[in-house]
Amino acid sequence: MLLSNLLKQSLDTATLECWQRERTATALTGVAVRLHAAGLSLRETEAILRLLGVERSFQAIFQWVTSAG
C-alpha cells in the first residue's frame, strides 16, 4: 500500500474517541498504526516517523496500536 493511501485512510480515524487529547496529530498516529499493522516493527515505525519530523518512542507507538484495538 502506498504512503499516500495510508495517509488518506488514516484521516478516517479522526473521529475515534481513543485519539482525543493526544499530543501527536491524529493523522500521524493513524499512519503509525497502519505502518505497524502492515508489518513494520515498532522501531521501524519510529524511524519512519522520525523521518517525517515526529519524535516519538516505540513505546508510544505501542500504546497507539493497543488503543486502536
Protein backbone atom coordinates (compact mmCIF):
# COMPACT_ATOMS: atom_id res chain seq x y z
CA MET A 1 0.00 0.00 0.00
CA LEU A 2 1.33 3.43 -0.92
CA LEU A 3 2.09 6.01 1.75
CA SER A 4 -0.41 8.40 0.17
CA ASN A 5 -3.12 5.76 0.56
CA LEU A 6 -2.12 5.24 4.20
CA LEU A 7 -2.39 8.97 4.85
CA LYS A 8 -5.80 9.18 3.15
CA GLN A 9 -7.18 6.23 5.08
CA SER A 10 -5.67 7.49 8.34
CA LEU A 11 -7.75 10.64 8.17
CA ASP A 12 -10.83 8.44 8.54
CA THR A 13 -9.75 7.66 12.11
CA ALA A 14 -10.09 11.31 13.17
CA THR A 15 -13.49 10.67 14.74
CA LEU A 16 -12.34 7.84 17.03
CA GLU A 17 -12.58 8.75 20.70
CA CYS A 18 -9.39 6.85 21.53
CA TRP A 19 -7.36 9.58 19.77
CA GLN A 20 -8.73 12.56 21.69
CA ARG A 21 -6.34 14.61 23.85
CA GLU A 22 -3.21 13.18 22.28
CA ARG A 23 -0.10 15.30 21.79
CA THR A 24 0.51 13.80 18.34
CA ALA A 25 -1.74 14.67 15.43
CA THR A 26 -4.44 12.11 14.75
CA ALA A 27 -3.34 11.59 11.15
CA LEU A 28 0.21 10.72 12.27
CA THR A 29 -0.93 8.26 14.90
CA GLY A 30 -3.16 6.64 12.30
CA VAL A 31 -0.26 6.36 9.87
CA ALA A 32 1.92 4.82 12.58
CA VAL A 33 -0.73 2.25 13.49
CA ARG A 34 -1.23 1.35 9.82
CA LEU A 35 2.52 1.05 9.22
CA HIS A 36 2.81 -1.31 12.17
CA ALA A 37 -0.24 -3.29 11.00
CA ALA A 38 1.36 -3.57 7.55
CA GLY A 39 4.24 -5.50 9.09
CA LEU A 40 6.79 -2.91 10.18
CA SER A 41 8.26 -3.30 13.64
CA LEU A 42 7.66 -0.66 16.28
CA ARG A 43 11.24 0.58 15.90
CA GLU A 44 10.93 0.73 12.11
CA THR A 45 7.72 2.72 12.51
CA GLU A 46 9.52 5.02 14.96
CA ALA A 47 12.29 5.58 12.39
CA ILE A 48 9.78 6.49 9.66
CA LEU A 49 8.04 8.96 11.97
CA ARG A 50 11.44 10.48 12.76
CA LEU A 51 11.99 10.97 9.01
CA LEU A 52 8.69 12.86 8.97
CA GLY A 53 9.92 15.06 11.83
CA VAL A 54 7.95 13.38 14.63
CA GLU A 55 9.98 12.32 17.67
CA ARG A 56 8.06 9.59 19.48
CA SER A 57 9.29 6.44 21.19
CA PHE A 58 8.42 2.94 20.12
CA GLN A 59 6.62 2.60 23.47
CA ALA A 60 4.30 5.46 22.50
CA ILE A 61 3.62 3.76 19.17
CA PHE A 62 2.86 0.54 21.04
CA GLN A 63 0.30 2.42 23.15
CA TRP A 64 -1.31 3.84 19.99
CA VAL A 65 -1.54 0.36 18.48
CA THR A 66 -3.13 -1.13 21.59
CA SER A 67 -5.53 1.81 21.92
CA ALA A 68 -6.66 1.39 18.34
CA GLY A 69 -7.50 -2.23 19.02
